[in-house]
Amino acid sequence: MSRGKQLRDVIFGRRSIRRYEPRPVPRPLILELLTAATWAPSAHNRQPWRFAVIESTGQKAHLAAQMGERLQRDLTADGLPVAVIQQDVARSYQRITSAPVVILLSATMADMDAYPDKRRAGHEMTMAVQSVAMAGQNILLAAHDAGLGACWMCAPLFCPDVVRDALSLPADWLPQGMLTVGYPAQARSKTRRPLGDVTIWR
């Protein structure tokens, strides 16, 4: 790896980091992460990923507030207690606004194959989403290799229209997830389920 780490160390050492130091992430380093993302495998090599990088404090606050409003409405409709709703909304807002950088990952079907039936069209959409996910994993690994921390958030899936409007994204950008990125202010240790629990051999 570029900074002396072995691939195994990067894969096994990566953790989801949710607290960051307040210092900014240099633009060249962000570009390194995005470049790594674009070298992920993709369906038909169509590279259906799109990235929106949010560094502005005001833009992060606007995005978080708009997403928070939708989250509050959804949780209220679910009948959750007000205190629980307020806690969830505040947590979501803090996670977005406290990160030095937020990278939104979107999929586009613009260059993917088109089918007249829902079955194959649905599979093609899945292929685009899988491609974006692999690009996101490259970002996570590249961030860890660079001494950064990052965390994948799935929240945009629950309010893609809100995210698209808040960031003035093109209509064909389909928000899939976002990554908070920064210099880690925490160390985390997690275990994994044994292979025997998740693997079968035939």
Foldseek 3Di string as FASTA:
>chain_A
DVQPDDPVCLVVQADAFQAFDQDADDPVLVVVLLVLLLPFDAVVNPSQKDKDKDQDLVLLQLLLVLLLVLQLVVVVVVVDDPVVSVVVSVVSSCSRNRFNMKMWIWGFCPPWDDDPDPVVNVVRVVRRLVSSVRSVVSSSSSQVVVQKHKHKAQSCQVPVVSNCVSVVHDPRTGTGIMMRMHHHPDHDDDDDDDPVVPDDDD
